[in-house]
């Protein structure tokens, strides 16, 4: 169909995926066909224009109607739809002996969280802010600046813990 367009669906625990939709399609149909499930009403939905994807998000969002068409809620080509159980995520960041905590909207980019964390902790001597990163606590999983918090949230658990670490130096 010539009125089809691409959009991006962000769900908890997975990387964003590109979907093809039509303006007449309902939000409920789009989400169900992608396997979000029958109980979509329990999810927080946020529609974001391509130029707003880098903003930190709003943890006090109002979800659009599930039976509304994509056209009626303003979804166009390149838009992002965030679908998650958590309206906000409690983020804890550890650095050395200190801990800081804050709530962020689920769609907040890791880069924004990293910048916030860097503003809270005085770095050890010789450490440079541009060489720091967030790693999921208790794992070896590093979070890239361009990832969303919702990619790390699993099973509706609305909290994440990260360690603020220096980038590993390559010896050679």
C-alpha atoms as a PDB file:
ATOM      1  CA  UNK A   1       0.000   0.000   0.000  1.00  0.00           C
ATOM      2  CA  UNK A   2       1.283   3.424  -0.810  1.00  0.00           C
ATOM      3  CA  UNK A   3       0.100   5.059   2.419  1.00  0.00           C
ATOM      4  CA  UNK A   4       2.163   2.706   4.595  1.00  0.00           C
ATOM      5  CA  UNK A   5       4.901   4.182   6.729  1.00  0.00           C
ATOM      6  CA  UNK A   6       7.582   3.011   9.126  1.00  0.00           C
ATOM      7  CA  UNK A   7       7.587   3.679  12.855  1.00  0.00           C
ATOM      8  CA  UNK A   8       9.595   2.392  15.784  1.00  0.00           C
ATOM      9  CA  UNK A   9       8.169   0.355  18.659  1.00  0.00           C
ATOM     10  CA  UNK A  10      10.057   0.381  21.946  1.00  0.00           C
ATOM     11  CA  UNK A  11       9.078  -2.313  24.459  1.00  0.00           C
ATOM     12  CA  UNK A  12      10.522  -3.322  27.779  1.00  0.00           C
ATOM     13  CA  UNK A  13      13.432  -5.724  27.676  1.00  0.00           C
ATOM     14  CA  UNK A  14      14.077  -5.599  23.914  1.00  0.00           C
ATOM     15  CA  UNK A  15      15.702  -3.319  21.385  1.00  0.00           C
ATOM     16  CA  UNK A  16      13.397  -1.039  19.366  1.00  0.00           C
ATOM     17  CA  UNK A  17      11.935  -2.540  16.216  1.00  0.00           C
ATOM     18  CA  UNK A  18      10.820  -0.978  12.971  1.00  0.00           C
ATOM     19  CA  UNK A  19       7.181  -1.651  12.014  1.00  0.00           C
ATOM     20  CA  UNK A  20       5.150  -0.859   8.922  1.00  0.00           C
ATOM     21  CA  UNK A  21       1.686   0.584   9.544  1.00  0.00           C
ATOM     22  CA  UNK A  22      -1.075   2.579   7.902  1.00  0.00           C
ATOM     23  CA  UNK A  23      -2.709   5.770   9.215  1.00  0.00           C
ATOM     24  CA  UNK A  24      -6.053   3.924   9.547  1.00  0.00           C
ATOM     25  CA  UNK A  25      -4.619   1.221  11.809  1.00  0.00           C
ATOM     26  CA  UNK A  26      -5.523   1.427  15.507  1.00  0.00           C
ATOM     27  CA  UNK A  27      -2.946   1.516  18.234  1.00  0.00           C
ATOM     28  CA  UNK A  28      -4.501  -1.627  19.782  1.00  0.00           C
ATOM     29  CA  UNK A  29      -4.220  -3.579  16.505  1.00  0.00           C
ATOM     30  CA  UNK A  30      -0.630  -2.467  15.952  1.00  0.00           C
ATOM     31  CA  UNK A  31       0.407  -3.518  19.448  1.00  0.00           C
ATOM     32  CA  UNK A  32      -1.466  -6.841  19.395  1.00  0.00           C
ATOM     33  CA  UNK A  33      -0.066  -7.879  16.027  1.00  0.00           C
ATOM     34  CA  UNK A  34       3.398  -7.224  17.399  1.00  0.00           C
ATOM     35  CA  UNK A  35       2.776  -9.540  20.319  1.00  0.00           C
ATOM     36  CA  UNK A  36       2.401  -6.990  23.109  1.00  0.00           C
ATOM     37  CA  UNK A  37      -0.605  -8.987  24.286  1.00  0.00           C
ATOM     38  CA  UNK A  38      -4.281  -8.774  25.032  1.00  0.00           C
ATOM     39  CA  UNK A  39      -3.944  -6.645  28.154  1.00  0.00           C
ATOM     40  CA  UNK A  40      -2.591  -3.561  26.397  1.00  0.00           C
ATOM     41  CA  UNK A  41      -4.645  -1.311  28.672  1.00  0.00           C
ATOM     42  CA  UNK A  42      -2.190  -2.044  31.509  1.00  0.00           C
ATOM     43  CA  UNK A  43       0.666  -0.481  29.532  1.00  0.00           C
ATOM     44  CA  UNK A  44       1.827   3.123  29.478  1.00  0.00           C
ATOM     45  CA  UNK A  45       2.033   4.344  25.897  1.00  0.00           C
ATOM     46  CA  UNK A  46       3.974   7.381  24.746  1.00  0.00           C
ATOM     47  CA  UNK A  47       4.134   8.653  21.178  1.00  0.00           C
ATOM     48  CA  UNK A  48       7.243  10.677  20.343  1.00  0.00           C
ATOM     49  CA  UNK A  49       8.139  12.596  17.191  1.00  0.00           C
ATOM     50  CA  UNK A  50      11.570  11.886  15.681  1.00  0.00           C
ATOM     51  CA  UNK A  51      12.910  15.266  16.812  1.00  0.00           C
ATOM     52  CA  UNK A  52      11.880  14.617  20.445  1.00  0.00           C
ATOM     53  CA  UNK A  53      13.540  11.240  20.900  1.00  0.00           C
ATOM     54  CA  UNK A  54      16.562  12.668  22.734  1.00  0.00           C
ATOM     55  CA  UNK A  55      14.517  14.513  25.369  1.00  0.00           C
ATOM     56  CA  UNK A  56      14.332  12.823  28.777  1.00  0.00           C
ATOM     57  CA  UNK A  57      10.643  11.922  28.624  1.00  0.00           C
ATOM     58  CA  UNK A  58       7.747  12.582  30.949  1.00  0.00           C
ATOM     59  CA  UNK A  59       6.979  10.148  33.763  1.00  0.00           C
ATOM     60  CA  UNK A  60       3.555  11.795  34.196  1.00  0.00           C
ATOM     61  CA  UNK A  61       2.350  10.980  30.685  1.00  0.00           C
ATOM     62  CA  UNK A  62      -1.224  10.371  29.572  1.00  0.00           C
ATOM     63  CA  UNK A  63      -1.541   7.398  27.231  1.00  0.00           C
ATOM     64  CA  UNK A  64      -3.537   7.808  24.009  1.00  0.00           C
ATOM     65  CA  UNK A  65      -6.722   5.814  23.490  1.00  0.00           C
ATOM     66  CA  UNK A  66      -5.989   2.269  22.348  1.00  0.00           C
ATOM     67  CA  UNK A  67      -8.786   2.267  19.784  1.00  0.00           C
ATOM     68  CA  UNK A  68      -7.655   5.529  18.214  1.00  0.00           C
ATOM     69  CA  UNK A  69      -6.190   5.371  14.733  1.00  0.00           C
ATOM     70  CA  UNK A  70      -2.532   6.204  14.296  1.00  0.00           C
ATOM     71  CA  UNK A  71      -3.536   9.227  12.187  1.00  0.00           C
ATOM     72  CA  UNK A  72      -5.850  10.569  14.921  1.00  0.00           C
ATOM     73  CA  UNK A  73      -3.057  10.524  17.523  1.00  0.00           C
ATOM     74  CA  UNK A  74      -0.606  12.129  15.120  1.00  0.00           C
ATOM     75  CA  UNK A  75       1.671   9.154  14.395  1.00  0.00           C
ATOM     76  CA  UNK A  76       3.576   9.616  11.144  1.00  0.00           C
ATOM     77  CA  UNK A  77       6.590   8.096   9.473  1.00  0.00           C
ATOM     78  CA  UNK A  78       9.606   7.915  11.770  1.00  0.00           C
ATOM     79  CA  UNK A  79       7.635   8.308  14.997  1.00  0.00           C
ATOM     80  CA  UNK A  80       8.460   6.273  18.084  1.00  0.00           C
ATOM     81  CA  UNK A  81       5.886   4.458  20.206  1.00  0.00           C
ATOM     82  CA  UNK A  82       6.988   3.457  23.695  1.00  0.00           C
ATOM     83  CA  UNK A  83       4.943   0.671  25.253  1.00  0.00           C
ATOM     84  CA  UNK A  84       5.854  -0.408  28.763  1.00  0.00           C
ATOM     85  CA  UNK A  85       4.379  -1.364  32.116  1.00  0.00           C
ATOM     86  CA  UNK A  86       6.416   1.253  33.994  1.00  0.00           C
ATOM     87  CA  UNK A  87       5.518   4.920  33.709  1.00  0.00           C
ATOM     88  CA  UNK A  88       8.810   5.656  35.431  1.00  0.00           C
ATOM     89  CA  UNK A  89      11.879   3.686  36.427  1.00  0.00           C
ATOM     90  CA  UNK A  90      13.680   4.085  39.745  1.00  0.00           C
ATOM     91  CA  UNK A  91      17.358   4.241  38.817  1.00  0.00           C
ATOM     92  CA  UNK A  92      20.120   3.638  41.360  1.00  0.00           C
ATOM     93  CA  UNK A  93      23.713   4.408  40.373  1.00  0.00           C
ATOM     94  CA  UNK A  94      26.718   3.270  42.412  1.00  0.00           C
ATOM     95  CA  UNK A  95      30.143   4.875  42.126  1.00  0.00           C
ATOM     96  CA  UNK A  96      32.860   3.853  44.539  1.00  0.00           C
ATOM     97  CA  UNK A  97      31.290   4.161  48.013  1.00  0.00           C
ATOM     98  CA  UNK A  98      28.421   6.474  47.000  1.00  0.00           C
ATOM     99  CA  UNK A  99      24.923   5.879  45.677  1.00  0.00           C
ATOM    100  CA  UNK A 100      22.454   8.226  43.992  1.00  0.00           C
ATOM    101  CA  UNK A 101      18.837   7.502  43.055  1.00  0.00           C
ATOM    102  CA  UNK A 102      16.259   9.183  40.850  1.00  0.00           C
ATOM    103  CA  UNK A 103      13.123   8.319  38.880  1.00  0.00           C
ATOM    104  CA  UNK A 104      13.191   8.709  35.099  1.00  0.00           C
ATOM    105  CA  UNK A 105      10.576   8.187  32.417  1.00  0.00           C
ATOM    106  CA  UNK A 106      10.924   4.723  30.889  1.00  0.00           C
ATOM    107  CA  UNK A 107      11.913   6.142  27.509  1.00  0.00           C
ATOM    108  CA  UNK A 108      14.819   8.178  28.871  1.00  0.00           C
ATOM    109  CA  UNK A 109      18.059   7.599  27.001  1.00  0.00           C
ATOM    110  CA  UNK A 110      21.017   6.128  28.886  1.00  0.00           C
ATOM    111  CA  UNK A 111      23.079   9.144  27.824  1.00  0.00           C
ATOM    112  CA  UNK A 112      20.776  11.419  29.810  1.00  0.00           C
ATOM    113  CA  UNK A 113      21.001   9.143  32.863  1.00  0.00           C
ATOM    114  CA  UNK A 114      24.804   8.995  32.506  1.00  0.00           C
ATOM    115  CA  UNK A 115      25.041  12.791  32.329  1.00  0.00           C
ATOM    116  CA  UNK A 116      22.880  13.050  35.463  1.00  0.00           C
ATOM    117  CA  UNK A 117      25.056  10.492  37.285  1.00  0.00           C
ATOM    118  CA  UNK A 118      28.243  12.286  36.270  1.00  0.00           C
ATOM    119  CA  UNK A 119      26.842  15.517  37.719  1.00  0.00           C
ATOM    120  CA  UNK A 120      26.263  13.771  41.078  1.00  0.00           C
ATOM    121  CA  UNK A 121      29.624  12.097  41.657  1.00  0.00           C
ATOM    122  CA  UNK A 122      33.051  13.708  41.983  1.00  0.00           C
ATOM    123  CA  UNK A 123      35.277  11.471  39.881  1.00  0.00           C
ATOM    124  CA  UNK A 124      38.422   9.874  41.189  1.00  0.00           C
ATOM    125  CA  UNK A 125      41.697  11.557  40.305  1.00  0.00           C
ATOM    126  CA  UNK A 126      42.715  10.849  36.717  1.00  0.00           C
ATOM    127  CA  UNK A 127      39.165   9.894  35.654  1.00  0.00           C
ATOM    128  CA  UNK A 128      37.599  11.773  32.767  1.00  0.00           C
ATOM    129  CA  UNK A 129      33.817  12.139  32.372  1.00  0.00           C
ATOM    130  CA  UNK A 130      33.969  11.287  28.677  1.00  0.00           C
ATOM    131  CA  UNK A 131      35.525   7.908  29.519  1.00  0.00           C
ATOM    132  CA  UNK A 132      32.851   6.776  31.975  1.00  0.00           C
ATOM    133  CA  UNK A 133      29.897   4.469  31.273  1.00  0.00           C
ATOM    134  CA  UNK A 134      27.004   2.758  33.022  1.00  0.00           C
ATOM    135  CA  UNK A 135      27.008  -1.010  33.496  1.00  0.00           C
ATOM    136  CA  UNK A 136      24.004  -2.972  34.744  1.00  0.00           C
ATOM    137  CA  UNK A 137      24.835  -3.905  38.331  1.00  0.00           C
ATOM    138  CA  UNK A 138      25.846  -7.529  38.824  1.00  0.00           C
ATOM    139  CA  UNK A 139      26.427  -8.135  35.108  1.00  0.00           C
ATOM    140  CA  UNK A 140      28.949  -7.355  32.408  1.00  0.00           C
ATOM    141  CA  UNK A 141      26.257  -5.572  30.365  1.00  0.00           C
ATOM    142  CA  UNK A 142      27.262  -2.054  29.454  1.00  0.00           C
ATOM    143  CA  UNK A 143      24.578   0.466  28.551  1.00  0.00           C
ATOM    144  CA  UNK A 144      25.134   2.544  25.404  1.00  0.00           C
ATOM    145  CA  UNK A 145      24.226   6.236  25.468  1.00  0.00           C
ATOM    146  CA  UNK A 146      21.665   5.719  22.683  1.00  0.00           C
ATOM    147  CA  UNK A 147      19.723   2.953  24.445  1.00  0.00           C
ATOM    148  CA  UNK A 148      16.495   3.592  26.357  1.00  0.00           C
ATOM    149  CA  UNK A 149      15.945   2.619  29.996  1.00  0.00           C
ATOM    150  CA  UNK A 150      12.981   0.464  28.928  1.00  0.00           C
ATOM    151  CA  UNK A 151      15.389  -1.852  27.067  1.00  0.00           C
ATOM    152  CA  UNK A 152      16.793  -2.914  30.453  1.00  0.00           C
ATOM    153  CA  UNK A 153      13.485  -3.277  32.319  1.00  0.00           C
ATOM    154  CA  UNK A 154      12.186  -6.841  32.459  1.00  0.00           C
ATOM    155  CA  UNK A 155       8.917  -8.374  33.656  1.00  0.00           C
ATOM    156  CA  UNK A 156       7.467  -5.069  34.767  1.00  0.00           C
ATOM    157  CA  UNK A 157      10.151  -4.446  37.379  1.00  0.00           C
ATOM    158  CA  UNK A 158      10.313  -0.684  37.446  1.00  0.00           C
ATOM    159  CA  UNK A 159      13.784  -0.285  38.899  1.00  0.00           C
ATOM    160  CA  UNK A 160      17.332  -0.569  37.605  1.00  0.00           C
ATOM    161  CA  UNK A 161      20.717  -0.470  39.282  1.00  0.00           C
ATOM    162  CA  UNK A 162      23.840   0.608  37.438  1.00  0.00           C
ATOM    163  CA  UNK A 163      27.502   0.924  38.321  1.00  0.00           C
ATOM    164  CA  UNK A 164      29.327   4.010  37.047  1.00  0.00           C
ATOM    165  CA  UNK A 165      32.648   2.739  35.726  1.00  0.00           C
ATOM    166  CA  UNK A 166      35.621   3.953  33.697  1.00  0.00           C
ATOM    167  CA  UNK A 167      35.876   2.552  30.178  1.00  0.00           C
ATOM    168  CA  UNK A 168      38.203  -0.427  30.275  1.00  0.00           C
ATOM    169  CA  UNK A 169      41.650   0.439  29.038  1.00  0.00           C
ATOM    170  CA  UNK A 170      42.945  -1.750  26.219  1.00  0.00           C
ATOM    171  CA  UNK A 171      46.394  -3.032  27.094  1.00  0.00           C
ATOM    172  CA  UNK A 172      48.696  -3.756  24.205  1.00  0.00           C
END
